[in-house]
Amino acid sequence: MNVSEERQDSHYILSLAGRLDASTSNAFEEKFLSLIDEGETNILLNFSQLDYISSSGLRVLLLGAKKIKTKSGKISLCNLKSHIMEVFEIAGFLPLFKIYDSLDEALKA
């Protein structure tokens, strides 16, 4: 999995490409949680190039959501492919995150 980072206005954007699974989730967890520890409170995850997410990946997102909530921050998601949206729905994760159809829509929110 590849992760690219950029800042646009108040958003810190992480764009994920590939598979977020047991073999990649530890590295992503380290990166993601360290951003929150460093004070980022408005993180946008762009999933336009994410092809797969496992329970390991969902666990990392849940850890991030819990951690950022203590700092009164938010994590938003955008560009979820239909099969990834289905995973979020089945896992009951839809209420945990604000989900946008596009990066532009998320940046305007």
C-alpha atoms as a PDB file:
ATOM      1  CA  MET A   1       0.000   0.000   0.000  1.00  0.00           C
ATOM      2  CA  ASN A   2       1.181   3.496  -0.790  1.00  0.00           C
ATOM      3  CA  VAL A   3       0.201   6.569   1.217  1.00  0.00           C
ATOM      4  CA  SER A   4       0.705  10.097  -0.048  1.00  0.00           C
ATOM      5  CA  GLU A   5       0.297  13.148   2.148  1.00  0.00           C
ATOM      6  CA  GLU A   6      -0.619  16.754   1.489  1.00  0.00           C
ATOM      7  CA  ARG A   7      -2.185  19.726   3.211  1.00  0.00           C
ATOM      8  CA  GLN A   8      -4.988  21.728   1.642  1.00  0.00           C
ATOM      9  CA  ASP A   9      -6.317  24.579   3.746  1.00  0.00           C
ATOM     10  CA  SER A  10      -7.280  23.107   7.128  1.00  0.00           C
ATOM     11  CA  HIS A  11      -7.301  19.498   5.879  1.00  0.00           C
ATOM     12  CA  TYR A  12      -4.435  17.046   6.202  1.00  0.00           C
ATOM     13  CA  ILE A  13      -5.038  14.591   3.359  1.00  0.00           C
ATOM     14  CA  LEU A  14      -3.816  11.010   3.298  1.00  0.00           C
ATOM     15  CA  SER A  15      -4.407   9.297  -0.047  1.00  0.00           C
ATOM     16  CA  LEU A  16      -4.268   5.516   0.188  1.00  0.00           C
ATOM     17  CA  ALA A  17      -3.536   3.241  -2.773  1.00  0.00           C
ATOM     18  CA  GLY A  18      -3.620  -0.530  -2.876  1.00  0.00           C
ATOM     19  CA  ARG A  19      -4.692  -2.771  -0.005  1.00  0.00           C
ATOM     20  CA  LEU A  20      -5.126  -1.864   3.651  1.00  0.00           C
ATOM     21  CA  ASP A  21      -4.862  -5.290   5.237  1.00  0.00           C
ATOM     22  CA  ALA A  22      -2.936  -7.236   7.880  1.00  0.00           C
ATOM     23  CA  SER A  23       0.363  -6.805   6.025  1.00  0.00           C
ATOM     24  CA  THR A  24       0.036  -3.012   5.629  1.00  0.00           C
ATOM     25  CA  SER A  25      -2.091  -1.888   8.557  1.00  0.00           C
ATOM     26  CA  ASN A  26       0.755  -1.658  11.096  1.00  0.00           C
ATOM     27  CA  ALA A  27       2.714   0.848   9.008  1.00  0.00           C
ATOM     28  CA  PHE A  28      -0.437   2.840   8.300  1.00  0.00           C
ATOM     29  CA  GLU A  29      -1.402   2.786  11.996  1.00  0.00           C
ATOM     30  CA  GLU A  30       1.969   4.196  12.964  1.00  0.00           C
ATOM     31  CA  LYS A  31       1.690   7.015  10.418  1.00  0.00           C
ATOM     32  CA  PHE A  32      -1.992   7.775  11.070  1.00  0.00           C
ATOM     33  CA  LEU A  33      -1.816   7.837  14.867  1.00  0.00           C
ATOM     34  CA  SER A  34       1.425   9.842  14.879  1.00  0.00           C
ATOM     35  CA  LEU A  35      -0.317  12.580  12.870  1.00  0.00           C
ATOM     36  CA  ILE A  36      -3.010  12.789  15.527  1.00  0.00           C
ATOM     37  CA  ASP A  37      -0.385  12.782  18.290  1.00  0.00           C
ATOM     38  CA  GLU A  38       1.395  15.639  16.488  1.00  0.00           C
ATOM     39  CA  GLY A  39      -1.777  17.730  16.662  1.00  0.00           C
ATOM     40  CA  GLU A  40      -3.577  17.148  13.378  1.00  0.00           C
ATOM     41  CA  THR A  41      -7.311  17.460  14.075  1.00  0.00           C
ATOM     42  CA  ASN A  42      -8.839  17.528  10.583  1.00  0.00           C
ATOM     43  CA  ILE A  43      -7.730  14.454   8.657  1.00  0.00           C
ATOM     44  CA  LEU A  44      -9.208  13.510   5.312  1.00  0.00           C
ATOM     45  CA  LEU A  45      -8.630  10.002   3.986  1.00  0.00           C
ATOM     46  CA  ASN A  46      -8.888   9.786   0.209  1.00  0.00           C
ATOM     47  CA  PHE A  47      -9.753   6.221  -0.767  1.00  0.00           C
ATOM     48  CA  SER A  48      -9.950   6.767  -4.544  1.00  0.00           C
ATOM     49  CA  GLN A  49      -7.083   4.315  -5.130  1.00  0.00           C
ATOM     50  CA  LEU A  50      -7.827   1.954  -2.228  1.00  0.00           C
ATOM     51  CA  ASP A  51      -8.813  -1.432  -3.619  1.00  0.00           C
ATOM     52  CA  TYR A  52      -9.338  -3.436  -0.426  1.00  0.00           C
ATOM     53  CA  ILE A  53      -9.750  -2.954   3.306  1.00  0.00           C
ATOM     54  CA  SER A  54      -9.689  -5.773   5.851  1.00  0.00           C
ATOM     55  CA  SER A  55     -10.719  -5.901   9.491  1.00  0.00           C
ATOM     56  CA  SER A  56      -7.133  -4.919  10.341  1.00  0.00           C
ATOM     57  CA  GLY A  57      -7.562  -1.731   8.347  1.00  0.00           C
ATOM     58  CA  LEU A  58     -10.925  -1.030   9.960  1.00  0.00           C
ATOM     59  CA  ARG A  59      -9.319  -1.458  13.376  1.00  0.00           C
ATOM     60  CA  VAL A  60      -6.763   1.253  12.562  1.00  0.00           C
ATOM     61  CA  LEU A  61      -9.528   3.629  11.481  1.00  0.00           C
ATOM     62  CA  LEU A  62     -11.419   2.941  14.700  1.00  0.00           C
ATOM     63  CA  LEU A  63      -8.308   3.623  16.791  1.00  0.00           C
ATOM     64  CA  GLY A  64      -7.808   6.901  14.939  1.00  0.00           C
ATOM     65  CA  ALA A  65     -11.456   7.905  15.389  1.00  0.00           C
ATOM     66  CA  LYS A  66     -11.257   7.279  19.143  1.00  0.00           C
ATOM     67  CA  LYS A  67      -7.967   9.143  19.492  1.00  0.00           C
ATOM     68  CA  ILE A  68      -8.989  12.190  17.452  1.00  0.00           C
ATOM     69  CA  LYS A  69     -12.293  12.468  19.312  1.00  0.00           C
ATOM     70  CA  THR A  70     -10.362  13.179  22.519  1.00  0.00           C
ATOM     71  CA  LYS A  71      -8.785  16.154  20.721  1.00  0.00           C
ATOM     72  CA  SER A  72     -12.136  17.415  19.368  1.00  0.00           C
ATOM     73  CA  GLY A  73     -10.991  16.623  15.843  1.00  0.00           C
ATOM     74  CA  LYS A  74     -12.525  14.789  12.932  1.00  0.00           C
ATOM     75  CA  ILE A  75     -11.661  12.187  10.348  1.00  0.00           C
ATOM     76  CA  SER A  76     -13.464  12.354   7.026  1.00  0.00           C
ATOM     77  CA  LEU A  77     -13.377   9.877   4.147  1.00  0.00           C
ATOM     78  CA  CYS A  78     -13.896  10.417   0.442  1.00  0.00           C
ATOM     79  CA  ASN A  79     -14.008   8.493  -2.827  1.00  0.00           C
ATOM     80  CA  LEU A  80     -14.980   5.120  -1.373  1.00  0.00           C
ATOM     81  CA  LYS A  81     -15.484   2.471  -4.026  1.00  0.00           C
ATOM     82  CA  SER A  82     -18.807   0.667  -3.767  1.00  0.00           C
ATOM     83  CA  HIS A  83     -17.331  -2.556  -2.375  1.00  0.00           C
ATOM     84  CA  ILE A  84     -15.431  -0.623   0.308  1.00  0.00           C
ATOM     85  CA  MET A  85     -18.560   1.351   1.185  1.00  0.00           C
ATOM     86  CA  GLU A  86     -20.313  -1.994   1.591  1.00  0.00           C
ATOM     87  CA  VAL A  87     -17.628  -3.161   4.051  1.00  0.00           C
ATOM     88  CA  PHE A  88     -18.147   0.018   6.087  1.00  0.00           C
ATOM     89  CA  GLU A  89     -21.903  -0.521   6.058  1.00  0.00           C
ATOM     90  CA  ILE A  90     -21.667  -4.171   7.150  1.00  0.00           C
ATOM     91  CA  ALA A  91     -19.154  -3.322   9.887  1.00  0.00           C
ATOM     92  CA  GLY A  92     -21.372  -0.522  11.185  1.00  0.00           C
ATOM     93  CA  PHE A  93     -18.731   2.139  10.520  1.00  0.00           C
ATOM     94  CA  LEU A  94     -20.883   4.575   8.522  1.00  0.00           C
ATOM     95  CA  PRO A  95     -21.974   6.597  11.590  1.00  0.00           C
ATOM     96  CA  LEU A  96     -18.356   6.981  12.757  1.00  0.00           C
ATOM     97  CA  PHE A  97     -17.112   9.033   9.817  1.00  0.00           C
ATOM     98  CA  LYS A  98     -18.362  11.785   7.537  1.00  0.00           C
ATOM     99  CA  ILE A  99     -18.151  10.292   4.045  1.00  0.00           C
ATOM    100  CA  TYR A 100     -18.002  12.399   0.889  1.00  0.00           C
ATOM    101  CA  ASP A 101     -18.377  11.359  -2.726  1.00  0.00           C
ATOM    102  CA  SER A 102     -15.377  13.375  -3.913  1.00  0.00           C
ATOM    103  CA  LEU A 103     -12.281  15.129  -2.672  1.00  0.00           C
ATOM    104  CA  ASP A 104     -13.661  18.499  -3.785  1.00  0.00           C
ATOM    105  CA  GLU A 105     -16.868  17.953  -1.817  1.00  0.00           C
ATOM    106  CA  ALA A 106     -14.887  16.999   1.284  1.00  0.00           C
ATOM    107  CA  LEU A 107     -12.628  20.045   1.025  1.00  0.00           C
ATOM    108  CA  LYS A 108     -15.632  22.373   0.787  1.00  0.00           C
ATOM    109  CA  ALA A 109     -17.221  20.952   3.955  1.00  0.00           C
END
